[in-house]
Every structure is written in C-alpha cells, then in structure tokens.
Amino acid sequence: MPNTNFDPSKQQRQVLDVLREEYQVNPRRIRDVTGLERQRVNDALNALENAGWVEKPARGLYRLVYDGDGHVEQEIHHVDRA
C-alpha cells in the first residue's frame, strides 16, 4: 500500500520521471538519463520503495507502482509479425 502522504524530493521526482517514461528500469539507466550520482539514485529508489511507490521485482530492476496520482499499470500489446 503506497504512502499517499509521501512528498518526494527533487531527486526522487527525477527518478519518478524516468520510471513514468519507462515503467521498469535499472539504476544505471536512471543515472544515464538524470545525471544523478550512483548514491543519489540508490537513496531515491530506497525512499520510493519504502514509501510503496516503486517495487523491486528482481535484483537491479525497479518498477513504478504508484506515481502520486494513482496506481500505475502497464499495458502490454502483442504484435504478430507473421
């Protein structure tokens, strides 16, 4: 359950922006997009995970589940290339 009272910092918002665009991403990609230092990205991800806004489905991979406006779902479309 996300903490709806959580107020993300500027750096946490930068991380959220990347997650909103890509839904699921690793910390390296966040660093490449934002220019934030490794520790800043890790701190932001930990805070967002503790607030219930992101989840870690696998080692080194983070997924957005809540973005401040509501729960996030990803639609997956299959393209038949036959």
N, C-alpha and C. Protein backbone atom coordinates (compact mmCIF):
# COMPACT_ATOMS: atom_id res chain seq x y z
N MET A 1 0.85 -1.18 0.00
CA MET A 1 0.00 0.00 0.00
C MET A 1 0.90 1.25 0.00
N PRO A 2 0.71 2.11 -0.98
CA PRO A 2 1.56 3.31 -1.04
C PRO A 2 1.23 4.33 0.03
N ASN A 3 2.25 5.03 0.44
CA ASN A 3 2.10 6.13 1.38
C ASN A 3 1.69 7.36 0.56
N THR A 4 0.41 7.69 0.57
CA THR A 4 -0.10 8.79 -0.24
C THR A 4 0.30 10.15 0.31
N ASN A 5 0.84 10.19 1.53
CA ASN A 5 1.30 11.45 2.13
C ASN A 5 2.78 11.71 1.86
N PHE A 6 3.44 10.76 1.24
CA PHE A 6 4.86 10.90 0.92
C PHE A 6 5.05 12.06 -0.06
N ASP A 7 6.01 12.93 0.23
CA ASP A 7 6.29 14.08 -0.63
C ASP A 7 7.70 13.92 -1.18
N PRO A 8 7.84 13.45 -2.43
CA PRO A 8 9.17 13.20 -2.98
C PRO A 8 10.02 14.45 -3.10
N SER A 9 11.31 14.28 -2.86
CA SER A 9 12.28 15.37 -3.02
C SER A 9 12.51 15.61 -4.52
N LYS A 10 13.30 16.61 -4.84
CA LYS A 10 13.61 16.93 -6.24
C LYS A 10 14.27 15.73 -6.92
N GLN A 11 15.25 15.12 -6.27
CA GLN A 11 15.94 13.97 -6.86
C GLN A 11 15.01 12.77 -7.00
N GLN A 12 14.16 12.56 -6.02
CA GLN A 12 13.19 11.47 -6.11
C GLN A 12 12.22 11.70 -7.26
N ARG A 13 11.86 12.95 -7.49
CA ARG A 13 10.97 13.29 -8.62
C ARG A 13 11.66 13.02 -9.96
N GLN A 14 12.96 13.27 -10.02
CA GLN A 14 13.71 12.98 -11.24
C GLN A 14 13.68 11.48 -11.53
N VAL A 15 13.85 10.69 -10.49
CA VAL A 15 13.80 9.23 -10.64
C VAL A 15 12.40 8.80 -11.05
N LEU A 16 11.38 9.39 -10.44
CA LEU A 16 10.00 9.08 -10.81
C LEU A 16 9.72 9.41 -12.26
N ASP A 17 10.26 10.50 -12.75
CA ASP A 17 10.06 10.89 -14.15
C ASP A 17 10.58 9.82 -15.10
N VAL A 18 11.74 9.26 -14.79
CA VAL A 18 12.30 8.19 -15.63
C VAL A 18 11.39 6.96 -15.55
N LEU A 19 10.95 6.62 -14.36
CA LEU A 19 10.08 5.46 -14.19
C LEU A 19 8.74 5.67 -14.90
N ARG A 20 8.22 6.87 -14.90
CA ARG A 20 6.96 7.15 -15.60
C ARG A 20 7.13 6.92 -17.10
N GLU A 21 8.27 7.31 -17.62
CA GLU A 21 8.54 7.15 -19.06
C GLU A 21 8.78 5.70 -19.44
N GLU A 22 9.51 4.98 -18.58
CA GLU A 22 9.96 3.64 -18.96
C GLU A 22 9.31 2.52 -18.14
N TYR A 23 8.55 2.86 -17.10
CA TYR A 23 7.80 1.93 -16.24
C TYR A 23 8.70 1.02 -15.42
N GLN A 24 9.65 0.37 -16.04
CA GLN A 24 10.52 -0.58 -15.35
C GLN A 24 11.95 -0.29 -15.82
N VAL A 25 12.86 -0.12 -14.87
CA VAL A 25 14.19 0.35 -15.25
C VAL A 25 15.22 -0.04 -14.19
N ASN A 26 16.49 -0.07 -14.59
CA ASN A 26 17.55 -0.34 -13.62
C ASN A 26 18.22 0.98 -13.21
N PRO A 27 18.92 0.99 -12.09
CA PRO A 27 19.54 2.23 -11.60
C PRO A 27 20.52 2.85 -12.59
N ARG A 28 21.21 2.03 -13.35
CA ARG A 28 22.17 2.56 -14.33
C ARG A 28 21.45 3.44 -15.36
N ARG A 29 20.31 2.98 -15.83
CA ARG A 29 19.53 3.75 -16.81
C ARG A 29 19.08 5.08 -16.19
N ILE A 30 18.67 5.04 -14.93
CA ILE A 30 18.25 6.27 -14.25
C ILE A 30 19.41 7.25 -14.17
N ARG A 31 20.61 6.75 -13.84
CA ARG A 31 21.79 7.62 -13.78
C ARG A 31 22.10 8.22 -15.15
N ASP A 32 21.99 7.40 -16.19
CA ASP A 32 22.27 7.88 -17.55
C ASP A 32 21.31 8.99 -17.96
N VAL A 33 20.05 8.84 -17.61
CA VAL A 33 19.03 9.82 -18.02
C VAL A 33 19.10 11.10 -17.18
N THR A 34 19.28 10.93 -15.86
CA THR A 34 19.21 12.09 -14.96
C THR A 34 20.54 12.77 -14.70
N GLY A 35 21.63 12.03 -14.83
CA GLY A 35 22.93 12.57 -14.48
C GLY A 35 23.20 12.57 -12.98
N LEU A 36 22.30 11.96 -12.21
CA LEU A 36 22.49 11.88 -10.77
C LEU A 36 23.59 10.87 -10.43
N GLU A 37 24.26 11.10 -9.31
CA GLU A 37 25.29 10.18 -8.84
C GLU A 37 24.65 8.88 -8.37
N ARG A 38 25.46 7.83 -8.40
CA ARG A 38 25.00 6.49 -8.03
C ARG A 38 24.30 6.47 -6.66
N GLN A 39 24.95 7.06 -5.66
CA GLN A 39 24.37 7.04 -4.31
C GLN A 39 23.05 7.80 -4.25
N ARG A 40 22.94 8.90 -4.98
CA ARG A 40 21.69 9.69 -5.01
C ARG A 40 20.56 8.87 -5.60
N VAL A 41 20.85 8.14 -6.67
CA VAL A 41 19.83 7.29 -7.29
C VAL A 41 19.42 6.18 -6.34
N ASN A 42 20.40 5.54 -5.70
CA ASN A 42 20.10 4.47 -4.75
C ASN A 42 19.28 4.98 -3.57
N ASP A 43 19.64 6.14 -3.05
CA ASP A 43 18.88 6.73 -1.94
C ASP A 43 17.45 7.02 -2.36
N ALA A 44 17.28 7.59 -3.56
CA ALA A 44 15.94 7.92 -4.05
C ALA A 44 15.11 6.66 -4.24
N LEU A 45 15.70 5.63 -4.83
CA LEU A 45 14.97 4.37 -5.04
C LEU A 45 14.58 3.73 -3.72
N ASN A 46 15.48 3.75 -2.74
CA ASN A 46 15.17 3.18 -1.43
C ASN A 46 14.01 3.92 -0.77
N ALA A 47 14.03 5.25 -0.84
CA ALA A 47 12.96 6.05 -0.24
C ALA A 47 11.64 5.78 -0.95
N LEU A 48 11.67 5.72 -2.28
CA LEU A 48 10.45 5.46 -3.05
C LEU A 48 9.92 4.05 -2.81
N GLU A 49 10.82 3.10 -2.65
CA GLU A 49 10.41 1.72 -2.34
C GLU A 49 9.79 1.66 -0.94
N ASN A 50 10.41 2.32 0.02
CA ASN A 50 9.88 2.34 1.39
C ASN A 50 8.51 3.02 1.46
N ALA A 51 8.29 4.00 0.58
CA ALA A 51 7.00 4.70 0.54
C ALA A 51 5.95 3.91 -0.24
N GLY A 52 6.36 2.82 -0.88
CA GLY A 52 5.42 1.99 -1.63
C GLY A 52 5.13 2.51 -3.02
N TRP A 53 5.96 3.41 -3.53
CA TRP A 53 5.74 3.98 -4.85
C TRP A 53 6.41 3.15 -5.95
N VAL A 54 7.48 2.45 -5.61
CA VAL A 54 8.14 1.55 -6.55
C VAL A 54 8.33 0.19 -5.89
N GLU A 55 8.49 -0.82 -6.72
CA GLU A 55 8.79 -2.15 -6.20
C GLU A 55 9.99 -2.69 -6.95
N LYS A 56 10.60 -3.67 -6.34
CA LYS A 56 11.81 -4.28 -6.91
C LYS A 56 11.47 -5.73 -7.26
N PRO A 57 11.01 -5.97 -8.50
CA PRO A 57 10.61 -7.32 -8.89
C PRO A 57 11.77 -8.29 -9.08
N ALA A 58 12.96 -7.75 -9.31
CA ALA A 58 14.16 -8.57 -9.49
C ALA A 58 15.37 -7.75 -9.08
N ARG A 59 16.45 -8.43 -8.84
CA ARG A 59 17.68 -7.74 -8.44
C ARG A 59 18.08 -6.72 -9.52
N GLY A 60 18.27 -5.47 -9.10
CA GLY A 60 18.70 -4.43 -10.00
C GLY A 60 17.63 -3.89 -10.94
N LEU A 61 16.36 -4.19 -10.66
CA LEU A 61 15.28 -3.74 -11.51
C LEU A 61 14.17 -3.13 -10.65
N TYR A 62 13.72 -1.96 -11.02
CA TYR A 62 12.67 -1.27 -10.28
C TYR A 62 11.49 -0.98 -11.19
N ARG A 63 10.29 -1.05 -10.62
CA ARG A 63 9.05 -0.85 -11.35
C ARG A 63 8.19 0.17 -10.62
N LEU A 64 7.61 1.07 -11.36
CA LEU A 64 6.70 2.08 -10.79
C LEU A 64 5.35 1.44 -10.51
N VAL A 65 4.85 1.62 -9.28
CA VAL A 65 3.52 1.10 -8.94
C VAL A 65 2.56 2.20 -8.51
N TYR A 66 3.11 3.36 -8.14
CA TYR A 66 2.28 4.50 -7.72
C TYR A 66 3.07 5.76 -8.04
N ASP A 67 2.40 6.75 -8.62
CA ASP A 67 3.15 7.94 -9.03
C ASP A 67 2.68 9.23 -8.39
N GLY A 68 1.92 9.14 -7.32
CA GLY A 68 1.43 10.34 -6.67
C GLY A 68 0.02 10.68 -7.08
N ASP A 69 -0.36 10.25 -8.27
CA ASP A 69 -1.71 10.47 -8.75
C ASP A 69 -2.57 9.22 -8.65
N GLY A 70 -1.93 8.08 -8.59
CA GLY A 70 -2.68 6.83 -8.51
C GLY A 70 -1.80 5.65 -8.86
N HIS A 71 -2.40 4.48 -8.83
CA HIS A 71 -1.67 3.26 -9.16
C HIS A 71 -1.39 3.23 -10.65
N VAL A 72 -0.28 2.62 -10.99
CA VAL A 72 0.18 2.57 -12.36
C VAL A 72 0.09 1.14 -12.86
N GLU A 73 -0.43 0.99 -14.06
CA GLU A 73 -0.47 -0.31 -14.70
C GLU A 73 0.13 -0.17 -16.08
N GLN A 74 0.77 -1.22 -16.54
CA GLN A 74 1.35 -1.21 -17.87
C GLN A 74 0.52 -2.10 -18.77
N GLU A 75 0.20 -1.59 -19.96
CA GLU A 75 -0.47 -2.38 -20.96
C GLU A 75 0.57 -3.01 -21.85
N ILE A 76 0.42 -4.28 -22.11
CA ILE A 76 1.35 -4.99 -22.98
C ILE A 76 0.58 -5.39 -24.24
N HIS A 77 1.10 -5.00 -25.36
CA HIS A 77 0.46 -5.31 -26.64
C HIS A 77 1.34 -6.29 -27.40
N HIS A 78 0.72 -7.31 -27.92
CA HIS A 78 1.44 -8.30 -28.70
C HIS A 78 1.30 -7.94 -30.17
N VAL A 79 2.41 -7.94 -30.87
CA VAL A 79 2.41 -7.66 -32.29
C VAL A 79 2.75 -8.96 -33.00
N ASP A 80 1.83 -9.42 -33.82
CA ASP A 80 2.06 -10.65 -34.58
C ASP A 80 2.81 -10.31 -35.85
N ARG A 81 4.03 -10.81 -35.97
CA ARG A 81 4.87 -10.47 -37.12
C ARG A 81 4.91 -11.60 -38.14
N ALA A 82 3.86 -12.36 -38.20
CA ALA A 82 3.83 -13.49 -39.14
C ALA A 82 3.47 -13.06 -40.54
